[in-house]
Amino acid sequence: MRDYIQEMLKRKDLLVYLVKSGLKAEHRNSYLGYFWWLLDPLLNVLVYYFLVSVILGRGGENFAVFLVIGLIGWRWMNTTVNTSAKAIVRQSSLINQVYLPKSVFPLSASFTQVVNFVFGLVVIAIFLAVFGVMPGWQVVYLPLIIMVQLVFLLAISLFVAYICVFVRDIDNILSHILRVFFYASPIIWEGGRLPDEYSWVIAYNPVAIILDSYRAVLMYQANPQFVGLFVITISSILVIIWLLYYYSRNEHKIIKAL
């Protein structure tokens, strides 16, 4: 495994290239180009705000800010999982021509979506300013929460990318699994509205823990869920280490499957 990690470090230039090419390819043929990185999350928030607040008449004080934080945090997760699922399969022609650590491809997909999330943070800042919501000193924990989410997504990316090489149908099933997590997390609704018997959905849901931590430091001037974030981080790191070991032992199987 040590040799495998050293080989990955030697290919860091490839990782940077894949991230840059991924960013360029996202809106290559669109008229507005990179402006979609701001416009897409903004339109997403407006649609759900109109549906939940205007049509259904739900949502409390500063619901727009609550909604934008949840949707942009979820958007990072959703796009990362979907792009990572096809990361290795999409590069099959390159993989069959030259030896490369296959884990580089899902990792590059994950890092590409970090840039999109940064633009989403700009949208969140705009909503905070417009609605007069002022974060407290706890905002210093924001980079910590972002790092926890990144590590969490790296673990998921490595897993789904490997599985999708051998079971292509998983790519189609993922959309339904993600939809379950979307409605099981406080993205467009507040977790406190759940009956007591379903409170565990929020307590043990890593997506809910991460999103609630964002809202704590950005909206409520409160500390994030340190215990939950710590458990997510340690678990994700252990999964990443195990998956890198598994990649290093089974890369020949990936080549055969492609």
Protein backbone atom coordinates (compact mmCIF):
# COMPACT_ATOMS: atom_id res chain seq x y z
CA MET A 1 0.00 0.00 0.00
CA ARG A 2 2.94 2.32 0.68
CA ASP A 3 4.11 1.93 -2.90
CA TYR A 4 0.58 2.62 -4.11
CA ILE A 5 0.34 5.89 -2.17
CA GLN A 6 3.78 6.93 -3.43
CA GLU A 7 2.60 6.26 -6.98
CA MET A 8 -0.43 8.47 -6.33
CA LEU A 9 1.80 11.26 -5.08
CA LYS A 10 3.88 10.99 -8.23
CA ARG A 11 0.69 11.51 -10.23
CA LYS A 12 -0.36 14.69 -8.42
CA ASP A 13 0.09 16.63 -11.66
CA LEU A 14 -2.44 14.33 -13.27
CA LEU A 15 -4.84 14.97 -10.40
CA VAL A 16 -4.53 18.72 -10.89
CA TYR A 17 -5.03 18.32 -14.64
CA LEU A 18 -8.16 16.21 -14.15
CA VAL A 19 -9.63 18.77 -11.77
CA LYS A 20 -8.97 21.62 -14.20
CA SER A 21 -10.34 19.72 -17.18
CA GLY A 22 -13.39 18.72 -15.18
CA LEU A 23 -14.10 22.35 -14.33
CA LYS A 24 -13.71 23.43 -17.94
CA ALA A 25 -15.96 20.65 -19.23
CA GLU A 26 -18.91 21.38 -16.92
CA HIS A 27 -20.25 24.40 -18.80
CA ARG A 28 -18.12 24.31 -21.94
CA ASN A 29 -21.03 24.62 -24.38
CA SER A 30 -23.26 26.97 -22.39
CA TYR A 31 -23.73 30.66 -23.13
CA LEU A 32 -23.30 31.81 -19.53
CA GLY A 33 -20.27 29.59 -18.88
CA TYR A 34 -18.91 29.69 -15.35
CA PHE A 35 -21.69 32.07 -14.26
CA TRP A 36 -23.80 28.91 -13.88
CA TRP A 37 -21.75 28.08 -10.78
CA LEU A 38 -23.61 30.96 -9.10
CA LEU A 39 -26.86 30.84 -11.04
CA ASP A 40 -27.57 27.12 -10.68
CA PRO A 41 -27.62 26.99 -6.85
CA LEU A 42 -29.52 30.29 -6.75
CA LEU A 43 -32.27 28.99 -9.04
CA ASN A 44 -32.41 25.76 -7.05
CA VAL A 45 -33.04 27.70 -3.85
CA LEU A 46 -35.70 29.92 -5.46
CA VAL A 47 -37.62 26.89 -6.76
CA TYR A 48 -37.77 25.18 -3.36
CA TYR A 49 -38.52 28.44 -1.55
CA PHE A 50 -41.48 29.07 -3.84
CA LEU A 51 -42.71 25.49 -3.40
CA VAL A 52 -42.31 25.19 0.39
CA SER A 53 -42.85 28.74 1.61
CA VAL A 54 -45.20 30.31 -0.94
CA ILE A 55 -47.34 27.35 -2.10
CA LEU A 56 -47.29 25.15 1.02
CA GLY A 57 -47.06 28.06 3.44
CA ARG A 58 -44.37 26.42 5.57
CA GLY A 59 -41.05 27.62 6.84
CA GLY A 60 -40.28 29.83 9.80
CA GLU A 61 -38.12 32.89 10.40
CA ASN A 62 -35.20 33.27 7.99
CA PHE A 63 -36.39 30.18 6.12
CA ALA A 64 -34.68 31.37 2.94
CA VAL A 65 -31.29 31.32 4.69
CA PHE A 66 -32.11 27.95 6.28
CA LEU A 67 -32.99 26.62 2.84
CA VAL A 68 -29.98 27.97 0.96
CA ILE A 69 -27.51 26.45 3.45
CA GLY A 70 -29.20 23.06 3.28
CA LEU A 71 -29.54 22.97 -0.50
CA ILE A 72 -26.01 24.10 -1.26
CA GLY A 73 -24.51 21.68 1.26
CA TRP A 74 -26.62 18.90 -0.24
CA ARG A 75 -25.76 19.95 -3.81
CA TRP A 76 -22.08 19.36 -3.06
CA MET A 77 -22.83 15.86 -1.81
CA ASN A 78 -25.21 14.99 -4.64
CA THR A 79 -22.99 16.14 -7.50
CA THR A 80 -19.89 14.55 -5.97
CA VAL A 81 -21.51 11.13 -5.61
CA ASN A 82 -22.99 11.23 -9.12
CA THR A 83 -19.79 12.31 -10.85
CA SER A 84 -17.60 9.95 -8.83
CA ALA A 85 -19.74 6.95 -9.74
CA LYS A 86 -18.65 7.28 -13.37
CA ALA A 87 -15.14 8.57 -12.69
CA ILE A 88 -13.26 5.35 -13.49
CA VAL A 89 -15.59 4.04 -16.19
CA ARG A 90 -15.44 7.35 -18.04
CA GLN A 91 -11.65 7.14 -18.25
CA SER A 92 -11.55 3.53 -19.47
CA SER A 93 -9.72 4.39 -22.71
CA LEU A 94 -6.93 6.14 -20.81
CA ILE A 95 -6.71 3.40 -18.18
CA ASN A 96 -6.29 0.71 -20.83
CA GLN A 97 -3.37 2.56 -22.44
CA VAL A 98 -1.17 3.43 -19.46
CA TYR A 99 -0.89 2.41 -15.83
CA LEU A 100 -2.39 4.93 -13.44
CA PRO A 101 -3.63 4.54 -9.86
CA LYS A 102 -7.36 4.18 -10.44
CA SER A 103 -8.23 5.95 -7.19
CA VAL A 104 -6.96 9.20 -8.73
CA PHE A 105 -10.10 9.50 -10.84
CA PRO A 106 -12.77 9.52 -8.08
CA LEU A 107 -10.50 11.76 -6.01
CA SER A 108 -10.28 14.27 -8.87
CA ALA A 109 -14.08 14.21 -9.24
CA SER A 110 -14.43 15.03 -5.55
CA PHE A 111 -11.95 17.90 -5.63
CA THR A 112 -13.62 19.33 -8.74
CA GLN A 113 -16.89 19.71 -6.87
CA VAL A 114 -15.14 21.59 -4.05
CA VAL A 115 -14.78 24.53 -6.43
CA ASN A 116 -18.52 24.45 -7.15
CA PHE A 117 -19.21 24.49 -3.42
CA VAL A 118 -17.01 27.55 -2.96
CA PHE A 119 -19.24 29.42 -5.41
CA GLY A 120 -22.21 28.12 -3.44
CA LEU A 121 -20.73 29.77 -0.35
CA VAL A 122 -20.90 33.08 -2.24
CA VAL A 123 -24.65 32.53 -2.71
CA ILE A 124 -24.99 31.76 1.02
CA ALA A 125 -23.13 34.97 1.87
CA ILE A 126 -25.51 36.95 -0.35
CA PHE A 127 -28.55 35.49 1.44
CA LEU A 128 -27.02 36.18 4.85
CA ALA A 129 -26.49 39.82 3.88
CA VAL A 130 -29.91 40.30 2.26
CA PHE A 131 -31.83 38.84 5.23
CA GLY A 132 -29.63 40.47 7.84
CA VAL A 133 -28.39 37.24 9.44
CA MET A 134 -25.04 37.85 11.11
CA PRO A 135 -22.84 34.84 12.00
CA GLY A 136 -21.11 34.92 15.37
CA TRP A 137 -17.50 34.13 16.20
CA GLN A 138 -18.39 30.45 15.71
CA VAL A 139 -17.99 31.03 11.96
CA VAL A 140 -14.30 30.21 12.53
CA TYR A 141 -15.41 26.56 12.60
CA LEU A 142 -16.66 26.78 9.01
CA PRO A 143 -13.39 25.50 7.43
CA LEU A 144 -13.46 22.59 9.88
CA ILE A 145 -16.97 21.57 8.77
CA ILE A 146 -15.97 21.88 5.12
CA MET A 147 -12.97 19.60 5.70
CA VAL A 148 -15.16 17.05 7.47
CA GLN A 149 -17.59 17.01 4.57
CA LEU A 150 -14.72 16.72 2.07
CA VAL A 151 -13.23 13.70 3.87
CA PHE A 152 -16.69 12.15 4.10
CA LEU A 153 -17.24 12.61 0.36
CA LEU A 154 -13.79 11.28 -0.53
CA ALA A 155 -14.66 8.03 1.24
CA ILE A 156 -17.99 7.77 -0.58
CA SER A 157 -16.40 8.65 -3.93
CA LEU A 158 -13.77 5.92 -3.70
CA PHE A 159 -16.43 3.38 -2.78
CA VAL A 160 -19.04 4.16 -5.46
CA ALA A 161 -16.41 4.53 -8.20
CA TYR A 162 -15.05 1.04 -7.50
CA ILE A 163 -18.47 -0.60 -7.22
CA CYS A 164 -19.74 0.98 -10.44
CA VAL A 165 -16.90 -0.59 -12.41
CA PHE A 166 -18.27 -4.06 -11.70
CA VAL A 167 -21.98 -3.34 -11.21
CA ARG A 168 -22.98 -0.65 -13.71
CA ASP A 169 -26.60 -0.71 -12.52
CA ILE A 170 -25.51 0.84 -9.22
CA ASP A 171 -25.20 4.13 -11.07
CA ASN A 172 -28.95 4.09 -11.70
CA ILE A 173 -29.79 2.99 -8.17
CA LEU A 174 -27.71 5.80 -6.67
CA SER A 175 -30.24 8.45 -7.72
CA HIS A 176 -32.92 6.70 -5.65
CA ILE A 177 -30.62 6.24 -2.67
CA LEU A 178 -29.70 9.93 -2.79
CA ARG A 179 -33.38 10.86 -2.95
CA VAL A 180 -33.98 8.92 0.27
CA PHE A 181 -31.19 10.82 2.01
CA PHE A 182 -32.56 14.10 0.64
CA TYR A 183 -35.93 13.62 2.29
CA ALA A 184 -34.45 11.99 5.40
CA SER A 185 -32.26 15.04 6.08
CA PRO A 186 -33.24 18.54 7.23
CA ILE A 187 -32.60 20.17 3.86
CA ILE A 188 -35.98 21.70 3.06
CA TRP A 189 -37.57 21.04 6.46
CA GLU A 190 -36.47 21.45 10.08
CA GLY A 191 -35.42 18.35 11.97
CA GLY A 192 -37.42 19.34 15.03
CA ARG A 193 -40.65 18.68 13.15
CA LEU A 194 -40.11 14.92 13.24
CA PRO A 195 -42.06 12.83 15.78
CA ASP A 196 -39.98 11.61 18.71
CA GLU A 197 -39.91 8.03 17.44
CA TYR A 198 -38.09 9.22 14.31
CA SER A 199 -35.58 11.51 16.03
CA TRP A 200 -32.83 8.94 15.34
CA VAL A 201 -33.07 9.87 11.65
CA ILE A 202 -31.40 13.18 12.50
CA ALA A 203 -29.23 11.96 15.36
CA TYR A 204 -27.40 9.31 13.31
CA ASN A 205 -27.64 10.77 9.83
CA PRO A 206 -24.20 12.12 8.78
CA VAL A 207 -25.80 14.40 6.20
CA ALA A 208 -28.03 15.92 8.88
CA ILE A 209 -25.10 16.37 11.27
CA ILE A 210 -23.05 18.21 8.66
CA LEU A 211 -25.91 20.46 7.52
CA ASP A 212 -26.97 21.27 11.08
CA SER A 213 -23.36 22.21 11.84
CA TYR A 214 -23.30 24.62 8.90
CA ARG A 215 -26.49 26.26 10.11
CA ALA A 216 -25.24 26.43 13.69
CA VAL A 217 -22.17 28.51 12.80
CA LEU A 218 -23.77 30.57 10.02
CA MET A 219 -27.29 31.22 11.34
CA TYR A 220 -27.63 30.52 15.05
CA GLN A 221 -24.29 31.69 16.46
CA ALA A 222 -23.81 28.27 18.03
CA ASN A 223 -21.13 25.61 18.06
CA PRO A 224 -21.28 22.76 15.52
CA GLN A 225 -21.91 19.16 16.54
CA PHE A 226 -18.32 18.37 17.47
CA VAL A 227 -18.97 14.78 18.55
CA GLY A 228 -20.88 13.93 15.38
CA LEU A 229 -18.28 15.61 13.18
CA PHE A 230 -15.49 13.76 14.97
CA VAL A 231 -17.18 10.39 14.45
CA ILE A 232 -17.77 11.18 10.75
CA THR A 233 -14.13 12.20 10.29
CA ILE A 234 -12.60 9.16 11.98
CA SER A 235 -14.96 6.77 10.23
CA SER A 236 -14.30 8.36 6.85
CA ILE A 237 -10.52 8.28 7.30
CA LEU A 238 -10.62 4.60 8.23
CA VAL A 239 -12.79 3.87 5.18
CA ILE A 240 -10.42 5.82 2.91
CA ILE A 241 -7.39 3.91 4.23
CA TRP A 242 -9.16 0.57 3.75
CA LEU A 243 -10.35 1.49 0.26
CA LEU A 244 -6.89 2.64 -0.86
CA TYR A 245 -5.52 -0.69 0.36
CA TYR A 246 -8.29 -2.49 -1.48
CA TYR A 247 -7.60 -0.50 -4.66
CA SER A 248 -3.90 -1.34 -4.45
CA ARG A 249 -4.70 -5.07 -4.23
CA ASN A 250 -7.40 -5.21 -6.89
CA GLU A 251 -6.50 -2.73 -9.62
CA HIS A 252 -5.91 -5.58 -12.07
CA LYS A 253 -9.57 -6.55 -11.63
CA ILE A 254 -10.61 -3.02 -12.62
CA ILE A 255 -8.62 -3.28 -15.86
CA LYS A 256 -10.23 -6.61 -16.70
CA ALA A 257 -13.73 -5.29 -15.96
CA LEU A 258 -13.21 -2.27 -18.22
